[in-house]
Amino acid sequence: MRRMIEAATETGVLKGFPPVVPPEEASSIPRE
């Protein structure tokens, strides 16, 4: 999943993808 998004961004075919949070930070965010 990460590899495909990186490749699409690097080659300019994907623009405006929402910001992502690293998995290690996710546990501190309320699950809802």
PDB file of all heavy atoms in Angstrom:
ATOM      1  N   MET A   1       0.845  -1.203   0.000  1.00  0.00           N
ATOM      2  CA  MET A   1       0.000   0.000   0.000  1.00  0.00           C
ATOM      3  C   MET A   1       0.881   1.254   0.000  1.00  0.00           C
ATOM      4  O   MET A   1       0.696   2.178  -0.798  1.00  0.00           O
ATOM      5  CB  MET A   1      -0.909  -0.031   1.233  1.00  0.00           C
ATOM      6  CG  MET A   1      -1.948   1.057   1.276  1.00  0.00           C
ATOM      7  SD  MET A   1      -3.312   0.788   0.117  1.00  0.00           S
ATOM      8  CE  MET A   1      -4.198  -0.569   0.897  1.00  0.00           C
ATOM      9  N   ARG A   2       1.856   1.276   0.896  1.00  0.00           N
ATOM     10  CA  ARG A   2       2.748   2.443   0.961  1.00  0.00           C
ATOM     11  C   ARG A   2       3.562   2.584  -0.317  1.00  0.00           C
ATOM     12  O   ARG A   2       3.747   3.683  -0.831  1.00  0.00           O
ATOM     13  CB  ARG A   2       3.681   2.316   2.178  1.00  0.00           C
ATOM     14  CG  ARG A   2       2.969   2.380   3.519  1.00  0.00           C
ATOM     15  CD  ARG A   2       3.951   2.568   4.669  1.00  0.00           C
ATOM     16  NE  ARG A   2       4.938   1.501   4.724  1.00  0.00           N
ATOM     17  CZ  ARG A   2       4.751   0.342   5.364  1.00  0.00           C
ATOM     18  NH1 ARG A   2       3.605   0.111   5.998  1.00  0.00           N
ATOM     19  NH2 ARG A   2       5.696  -0.580   5.392  1.00  0.00           N
ATOM     20  N   ARG A   3       4.030   1.474  -0.848  1.00  0.00           N
ATOM     21  CA  ARG A   3       4.866   1.504  -2.051  1.00  0.00           C
ATOM     22  C   ARG A   3       4.114   2.092  -3.245  1.00  0.00           C
ATOM     23  O   ARG A   3       4.658   2.887  -4.017  1.00  0.00           O
ATOM     24  CB  ARG A   3       5.325   0.062  -2.361  1.00  0.00           C
ATOM     25  CG  ARG A   3       6.123  -0.099  -3.631  1.00  0.00           C
ATOM     26  CD  ARG A   3       7.559   0.405  -3.468  1.00  0.00           C
ATOM     27  NE  ARG A   3       8.134   0.738  -4.752  1.00  0.00           N
ATOM     28  CZ  ARG A   3       8.133   1.942  -5.299  1.00  0.00           C
ATOM     29  NH1 ARG A   3       7.598   2.960  -4.664  1.00  0.00           N
ATOM     30  NH2 ARG A   3       8.676   2.155  -6.463  1.00  0.00           N
ATOM     31  N   MET A   4       2.854   1.676  -3.434  1.00  0.00           N
ATOM     32  CA  MET A   4       2.078   2.156  -4.577  1.00  0.00           C
ATOM     33  C   MET A   4       1.780   3.656  -4.470  1.00  0.00           C
ATOM     34  O   MET A   4       1.857   4.385  -5.454  1.00  0.00           O
ATOM     35  CB  MET A   4       0.770   1.371  -4.702  1.00  0.00           C
ATOM     36  CG  MET A   4       0.953  -0.006  -5.301  1.00  0.00           C
ATOM     37  SD  MET A   4       1.442   0.068  -7.038  1.00  0.00           S
ATOM     38  CE  MET A   4       1.828  -1.661  -7.347  1.00  0.00           C
ATOM     39  N   ILE A   5       1.441   4.105  -3.273  1.00  0.00           N
ATOM     40  CA  ILE A   5       1.160   5.536  -3.087  1.00  0.00           C
ATOM     41  C   ILE A   5       2.429   6.359  -3.320  1.00  0.00           C
ATOM     42  O   ILE A   5       2.405   7.418  -3.955  1.00  0.00           O
ATOM     43  CB  ILE A   5       0.567   5.794  -1.684  1.00  0.00           C
ATOM     44  CG1 ILE A   5      -0.783   5.057  -1.525  1.00  0.00           C
ATOM     45  CG2 ILE A   5       0.388   7.289  -1.440  1.00  0.00           C
ATOM     46  CD1 ILE A   5      -1.822   5.410  -2.568  1.00  0.00           C
ATOM     47  N   GLU A   6       3.569   5.845  -2.825  1.00  0.00           N
ATOM     48  CA  GLU A   6       4.842   6.536  -3.064  1.00  0.00           C
ATOM     49  C   GLU A   6       5.146   6.628  -4.560  1.00  0.00           C
ATOM     50  O   GLU A   6       5.535   7.685  -5.070  1.00  0.00           O
ATOM     51  CB  GLU A   6       5.986   5.795  -2.365  1.00  0.00           C
ATOM     52  CG  GLU A   6       6.019   5.984  -0.854  1.00  0.00           C
ATOM     53  CD  GLU A   6       6.969   4.997  -0.191  1.00  0.00           C
ATOM     54  OE1 GLU A   6       7.706   4.285  -0.930  1.00  0.00           O
ATOM     55  OE2 GLU A   6       6.965   4.922   1.053  1.00  0.00           O
ATOM     56  N   ALA A   7       4.977   5.501  -5.273  1.00  0.00           N
ATOM     57  CA  ALA A   7       5.276   5.479  -6.712  1.00  0.00           C
ATOM     58  C   ALA A   7       4.362   6.436  -7.471  1.00  0.00           C
ATOM     59  O   ALA A   7       4.811   7.164  -8.375  1.00  0.00           O
ATOM     60  CB  ALA A   7       5.122   4.058  -7.259  1.00  0.00           C
ATOM     61  N   ALA A   8       3.070   6.450  -7.113  1.00  0.00           N
ATOM     62  CA  ALA A   8       2.116   7.334  -7.796  1.00  0.00           C
ATOM     63  C   ALA A   8       2.431   8.800  -7.528  1.00  0.00           C
ATOM     64  O   ALA A   8       2.282   9.656  -8.415  1.00  0.00           O
ATOM     65  CB  ALA A   8       0.692   7.002  -7.356  1.00  0.00           C
ATOM     66  N   THR A   9       2.886   9.093  -6.320  1.00  0.00           N
ATOM     67  CA  THR A   9       3.242  10.476  -5.977  1.00  0.00           C
ATOM     68  C   THR A   9       4.534  10.901  -6.667  1.00  0.00           C
ATOM     69  O   THR A   9       4.629  11.980  -7.247  1.00  0.00           O
ATOM     70  CB  THR A   9       3.378  10.621  -4.447  1.00  0.00           C
ATOM     71  OG1 THR A   9       2.163  10.178  -3.827  1.00  0.00           O
ATOM     72  CG2 THR A   9       3.633  12.063  -4.057  1.00  0.00           C
ATOM     73  N   GLU A  10       5.534  10.006  -6.616  1.00  0.00           N
ATOM     74  CA  GLU A  10       6.833  10.306  -7.231  1.00  0.00           C
ATOM     75  C   GLU A  10       6.712  10.582  -8.727  1.00  0.00           C
ATOM     76  O   GLU A  10       7.426  11.417  -9.273  1.00  0.00           O
ATOM     77  CB  GLU A  10       7.795   9.129  -7.014  1.00  0.00           C
ATOM     78  CG  GLU A  10       8.335   9.012  -5.605  1.00  0.00           C
ATOM     79  CD  GLU A  10       9.083   7.693  -5.395  1.00  0.00           C
ATOM     80  OE1 GLU A  10       9.375   7.008  -6.402  1.00  0.00           O
ATOM     81  OE2 GLU A  10       9.369   7.355  -4.235  1.00  0.00           O
ATOM     82  N   THR A  11       5.822   9.852  -9.401  1.00  0.00           N
ATOM     83  CA  THR A  11       5.702   9.988 -10.853  1.00  0.00           C
ATOM     84  C   THR A  11       4.650  11.014 -11.264  1.00  0.00           C
ATOM     85  O   THR A  11       4.394  11.200 -12.456  1.00  0.00           O
ATOM     86  CB  THR A  11       5.368   8.623 -11.491  1.00  0.00           C
ATOM     87  OG1 THR A  11       4.211   8.065 -10.846  1.00  0.00           O
ATOM     88  CG2 THR A  11       6.531   7.657 -11.334  1.00  0.00           C
ATOM     89  N   GLY A  12       4.021  11.660 -10.284  1.00  0.00           N
ATOM     90  CA  GLY A  12       3.108  12.754 -10.588  1.00  0.00           C
ATOM     91  C   GLY A  12       1.709  12.351 -10.991  1.00  0.00           C
ATOM     92  O   GLY A  12       0.900  13.209 -11.353  1.00  0.00           O
ATOM     93  N   VAL A  13       1.369  11.050 -10.914  1.00  0.00           N
ATOM     94  CA  VAL A  13       0.014  10.646 -11.312  1.00  0.00           C
ATOM     95  C   VAL A  13      -0.986  10.818 -10.168  1.00  0.00           C
ATOM     96  O   VAL A  13      -2.195  10.824 -10.396  1.00  0.00           O
ATOM     97  CB  VAL A  13      -0.042   9.180 -11.825  1.00  0.00           C
ATOM     98  CG1 VAL A  13       0.834   8.995 -13.044  1.00  0.00           C
ATOM     99  CG2 VAL A  13       0.334   8.188 -10.734  1.00  0.00           C
ATOM    100  N   LEU A  14      -0.477  10.951  -8.932  1.00  0.00           N
ATOM    101  CA  LEU A  14      -1.363  11.121  -7.781  1.00  0.00           C
ATOM    102  C   LEU A  14      -1.091  12.477  -7.135  1.00  0.00           C
ATOM    103  O   LEU A  14       0.025  12.771  -6.713  1.00  0.00           O
ATOM    104  CB  LEU A  14      -1.116  10.005  -6.755  1.00  0.00           C
ATOM    105  CG  LEU A  14      -1.944  10.069  -5.469  1.00  0.00           C
ATOM    106  CD1 LEU A  14      -3.430   9.950  -5.773  1.00  0.00           C
ATOM    107  CD2 LEU A  14      -1.513   8.967  -4.501  1.00  0.00           C
ATOM    108  N   LYS A  15      -2.129  13.278  -7.094  1.00  0.00           N
ATOM    109  CA  LYS A  15      -2.011  14.601  -6.475  1.00  0.00           C
ATOM    110  C   LYS A  15      -3.143  14.773  -5.464  1.00  0.00           C
ATOM    111  O   LYS A  15      -4.227  14.220  -5.631  1.00  0.00           O
ATOM    112  CB  LYS A  15      -2.097  15.701  -7.535  1.00  0.00           C
ATOM    113  CG  LYS A  15      -0.940  15.689  -8.538  1.00  0.00           C
ATOM    114  CD  LYS A  15      -1.093  16.803  -9.566  1.00  0.00           C
ATOM    115  CE  LYS A  15       0.127  16.871 -10.490  1.00  0.00           C
ATOM    116  NZ  LYS A  15       0.233  15.703 -11.367  1.00  0.00           N
ATOM    117  N   GLY A  16      -2.884  15.531  -4.404  1.00  0.00           N
ATOM    118  CA  GLY A  16      -3.933  15.853  -3.441  1.00  0.00           C
ATOM    119  C   GLY A  16      -4.329  14.723  -2.537  1.00  0.00           C
ATOM    120  O   GLY A  16      -5.454  14.685  -2.027  1.00  0.00           O
ATOM    121  N   PHE A  17      -3.415  13.754  -2.302  1.00  0.00           N
ATOM    122  CA  PHE A  17      -3.734  12.662  -1.375  1.00  0.00           C
ATOM    123  C   PHE A  17      -3.739  13.222   0.048  1.00  0.00           C
ATOM    124  O   PHE A  17      -2.846  13.963   0.435  1.00  0.00           O
ATOM    125  CB  PHE A  17      -2.700  11.546  -1.490  1.00  0.00           C
ATOM    126  CG  PHE A  17      -3.114  10.258  -0.846  1.00  0.00           C
ATOM    127  CD1 PHE A  17      -3.909   9.359  -1.530  1.00  0.00           C
ATOM    128  CD2 PHE A  17      -2.717   9.945   0.448  1.00  0.00           C
ATOM    129  CE1 PHE A  17      -4.297   8.160  -0.943  1.00  0.00           C
ATOM    130  CE2 PHE A  17      -3.097   8.760   1.049  1.00  0.00           C
ATOM    131  CZ  PHE A  17      -3.901   7.868   0.339  1.00  0.00           C
ATOM    132  N   PRO A  18      -4.762  12.893   0.855  1.00  0.00           N
ATOM    133  CA  PRO A  18      -4.834  13.438   2.218  1.00  0.00           C
ATOM    134  C   PRO A  18      -3.587  13.098   3.026  1.00  0.00           C
ATOM    135  O   PRO A  18      -2.930  12.084   2.775  1.00  0.00           O
ATOM    136  CB  PRO A  18      -6.070  12.746   2.798  1.00  0.00           C
ATOM    137  CG  PRO A  18      -6.895  12.370   1.619  1.00  0.00           C
ATOM    138  CD  PRO A  18      -5.921  12.046   0.536  1.00  0.00           C
ATOM    139  N   PRO A  19      -3.246  13.917   4.016  1.00  0.00           N
ATOM    140  CA  PRO A  19      -2.084  13.624   4.879  1.00  0.00           C
ATOM    141  C   PRO A  19      -2.272  12.291   5.592  1.00  0.00           C
ATOM    142  O   PRO A  19      -3.397  11.911   5.931  1.00  0.00           O
ATOM    143  CB  PRO A  19      -2.075  14.777   5.887  1.00  0.00           C
ATOM    144  CG  PRO A  19      -2.988  15.817   5.332  1.00  0.00           C
ATOM    145  CD  PRO A  19      -3.938  15.147   4.410  1.00  0.00           C
ATOM    146  N   VAL A  20      -1.163  11.585   5.790  1.00  0.00           N
ATOM    147  CA  VAL A  20      -1.238  10.300   6.481  1.00  0.00           C
ATOM    148  C   VAL A  20      -0.464  10.373   7.795  1.00  0.00           C
ATOM    149  O   VAL A  20       0.466  11.164   7.946  1.00  0.00           O
ATOM    150  CB  VAL A  20      -0.703   9.140   5.612  1.00  0.00           C
ATOM    151  CG1 VAL A  20      -1.557   8.966   4.371  1.00  0.00           C
ATOM    152  CG2 VAL A  20       0.751   9.341   5.245  1.00  0.00           C
ATOM    153  N   VAL A  21      -0.863   9.514   8.727  1.00  0.00           N
ATOM    154  CA  VAL A  21      -0.249   9.447  10.058  1.00  0.00           C
ATOM    155  C   VAL A  21       0.553   8.150  10.117  1.00  0.00           C
ATOM    156  O   VAL A  21       0.047   7.098   9.712  1.00  0.00           O
ATOM    157  CB  VAL A  21      -1.343   9.447  11.149  1.00  0.00           C
ATOM    158  CG1 VAL A  21      -0.737   9.223  12.522  1.00  0.00           C
ATOM    159  CG2 VAL A  21      -2.128  10.754  11.116  1.00  0.00           C
ATOM    160  N   PRO A  22       1.791   8.171  10.627  1.00  0.00           N
ATOM    161  CA  PRO A  22       2.557   6.928  10.771  1.00  0.00           C
ATOM    162  C   PRO A  22       1.851   5.966  11.720  1.00  0.00           C
ATOM    163  O   PRO A  22       1.208   6.398  12.688  1.00  0.00           O
ATOM    164  CB  PRO A  22       3.900   7.390  11.360  1.00  0.00           C
ATOM    165  CG  PRO A  22       3.954   8.861  11.130  1.00  0.00           C
ATOM    166  CD  PRO A  22       2.543   9.346  11.081  1.00  0.00           C
ATOM    167  N   PRO A  23       1.952   4.659  11.480  1.00  0.00           N
ATOM    168  CA  PRO A  23       1.277   3.673  12.348  1.00  0.00           C
ATOM    169  C   PRO A  23       1.631   3.831  13.819  1.00  0.00           C
ATOM    170  O   PRO A  23       0.784   3.642  14.689  1.00  0.00           O
ATOM    171  CB  PRO A  23       1.773   2.328  11.797  1.00  0.00           C
ATOM    172  CG  PRO A  23       2.142   2.601  10.378  1.00  0.00           C
ATOM    173  CD  PRO A  23       2.635   4.009  10.343  1.00  0.00           C
ATOM    174  N   GLU A  24       2.889   4.186  14.113  1.00  0.00           N
ATOM    175  CA  GLU A  24       3.293   4.281  15.521  1.00  0.00           C
ATOM    176  C   GLU A  24       2.614   5.429  16.258  1.00  0.00           C
ATOM    177  O   GLU A  24       2.548   5.437  17.488  1.00  0.00           O
ATOM    178  CB  GLU A  24       4.820   4.413  15.635  1.00  0.00           C
ATOM    179  CG  GLU A  24       5.443   5.550  14.850  1.00  0.00           C
ATOM    180  CD  GLU A  24       5.812   5.171  13.420  1.00  0.00           C
ATOM    181  OE1 GLU A  24       5.289   4.154  12.910  1.00  0.00           O
ATOM    182  OE2 GLU A  24       6.626   5.893  12.815  1.00  0.00           O
ATOM    183  N   GLU A  25       2.089   6.402  15.518  1.00  0.00           N
ATOM    184  CA  GLU A  25       1.368   7.513  16.159  1.00  0.00           C
ATOM    185  C   GLU A  25      -0.129   7.235  16.266  1.00  0.00           C
ATOM    186  O   GLU A  25      -0.847   7.924  16.996  1.00  0.00           O
ATOM    187  CB  GLU A  25       1.583   8.808  15.364  1.00  0.00           C
ATOM    188  CG  GLU A  25       3.012   9.332  15.404  1.00  0.00           C
ATOM    189  CD  GLU A  25       3.193  10.606  14.605  1.00  0.00           C
ATOM    190  OE1 GLU A  25       2.162  11.292  14.327  1.00  0.00           O
ATOM    191  OE2 GLU A  25       4.340  10.928  14.238  1.00  0.00           O
ATOM    192  N   ALA A  26      -0.606   6.241  15.529  1.00  0.00           N
ATOM    193  CA  ALA A  26      -2.052   5.999  15.450  1.00  0.00           C
ATOM    194  C   ALA A  26      -2.641   5.590  16.791  1.00  0.00           C
ATOM    195  O   ALA A  26      -3.790   5.926  17.112  1.00  0.00           O
ATOM    196  CB  ALA A  26      -2.345   4.932  14.403  1.00  0.00           C
ATOM    197  N   SER A  27      -1.853   4.863  17.609  1.00  0.00           N
ATOM    198  CA  SER A  27      -2.403   4.358  18.872  1.00  0.00           C
ATOM    199  C   SER A  27      -2.744   5.480  19.853  1.00  0.00           C
ATOM    200  O   SER A  27      -3.508   5.275  20.798  1.00  0.00           O
ATOM    201  CB  SER A  27      -1.413   3.380  19.521  1.00  0.00           C
ATOM    202  OG  SER A  27      -0.156   4.001  19.664  1.00  0.00           O
ATOM    203  N   SER A  28      -2.198   6.666  19.626  1.00  0.00           N
ATOM    204  CA  SER A  28      -2.497   7.788  20.530  1.00  0.00           C
ATOM    205  C   SER A  28      -3.710   8.597  20.062  1.00  0.00           C
ATOM    206  O   SER A  28      -4.117   9.552  20.725  1.00  0.00           O
ATOM    207  CB  SER A  28      -1.273   8.704  20.634  1.00  0.00           C
ATOM    208  OG  SER A  28      -0.972   9.284  19.375  1.00  0.00           O
ATOM    209  N   ILE A  29      -4.296   8.213  18.914  1.00  0.00           N
ATOM    210  CA  ILE A  29      -5.463   8.933  18.373  1.00  0.00           C
ATOM    211  C   ILE A  29      -6.729   8.172  18.762  1.00  0.00           C
ATOM    212  O   ILE A  29      -6.771   6.936  18.640  1.00  0.00           O
ATOM    213  CB  ILE A  29      -5.352   9.042  16.831  1.00  0.00           C
ATOM    214  CG1 ILE A  29      -4.107   9.866  16.458  1.00  0.00           C
ATOM    215  CG2 ILE A  29      -6.598   9.692  16.224  1.00  0.00           C
ATOM    216  CD1 ILE A  29      -3.783   9.845  14.968  1.00  0.00           C
ATOM    217  N   PRO A  30      -7.784   8.841  19.242  1.00  0.00           N
ATOM    218  CA  PRO A  30      -9.045   8.140  19.560  1.00  0.00           C
ATOM    219  C   PRO A  30      -9.517   7.325  18.361  1.00  0.00           C
ATOM    220  O   PRO A  30      -9.488   7.809  17.225  1.00  0.00           O
ATOM    221  CB  PRO A  30     -10.014   9.291  19.876  1.00  0.00           C
ATOM    222  CG  PRO A  30      -9.135  10.432  20.289  1.00  0.00           C
ATOM    223  CD  PRO A  30      -7.876  10.299  19.500  1.00  0.00           C
ATOM    224  N   ARG A  31      -9.948   6.093  18.602  1.00  0.00           N
ATOM    225  CA  ARG A  31     -10.250   5.171  17.493  1.00  0.00           C
ATOM    226  C   ARG A  31     -11.386   5.684  16.599  1.00  0.00           C
ATOM    227  O   ARG A  31     -11.404   5.403  15.403  1.00  0.00           O
ATOM    228  CB  ARG A  31     -10.509   3.758  18.001  1.00  0.00           C
ATOM    229  CG  ARG A  31     -11.619   3.600  18.976  1.00  0.00           C
ATOM    230  CD  ARG A  31     -11.567   2.242  19.668  1.00  0.00           C
ATOM    231  NE  ARG A  31     -11.472   1.102  18.752  1.00  0.00           N
ATOM    232  CZ  ARG A  31     -10.345   0.410  18.534  1.00  0.00           C
ATOM    233  NH1 ARG A  31      -9.228   0.728  19.153  1.00  0.00           N
ATOM    234  NH2 ARG A  31     -10.359  -0.605  17.704  1.00  0.00           N
ATOM    235  N   GLU A  32     -12.318   6.463  17.166  1.00  0.00           N
ATOM    236  CA  GLU A  32     -13.406   6.990  16.324  1.00  0.00           C
ATOM    237  C   GLU A  32     -12.891   8.075  15.369  1.00  0.00           C
ATOM    238  O   GLU A  32     -13.624   8.508  14.472  1.00  0.00           O
ATOM    239  CB  GLU A  32     -14.547   7.529  17.193  1.00  0.00           C
ATOM    240  CG  GLU A  32     -14.188   8.711  18.078  1.00  0.00           C
ATOM    241  CD  GLU A  32     -13.642   8.296  19.434  1.00  0.00           C
ATOM    242  OE1 GLU A  32     -13.290   7.093  19.594  1.00  0.00           O
ATOM    243  OE2 GLU A  32     -13.569   9.164  20.331  1.00  0.00           O
TER     244      GLU A  32
END
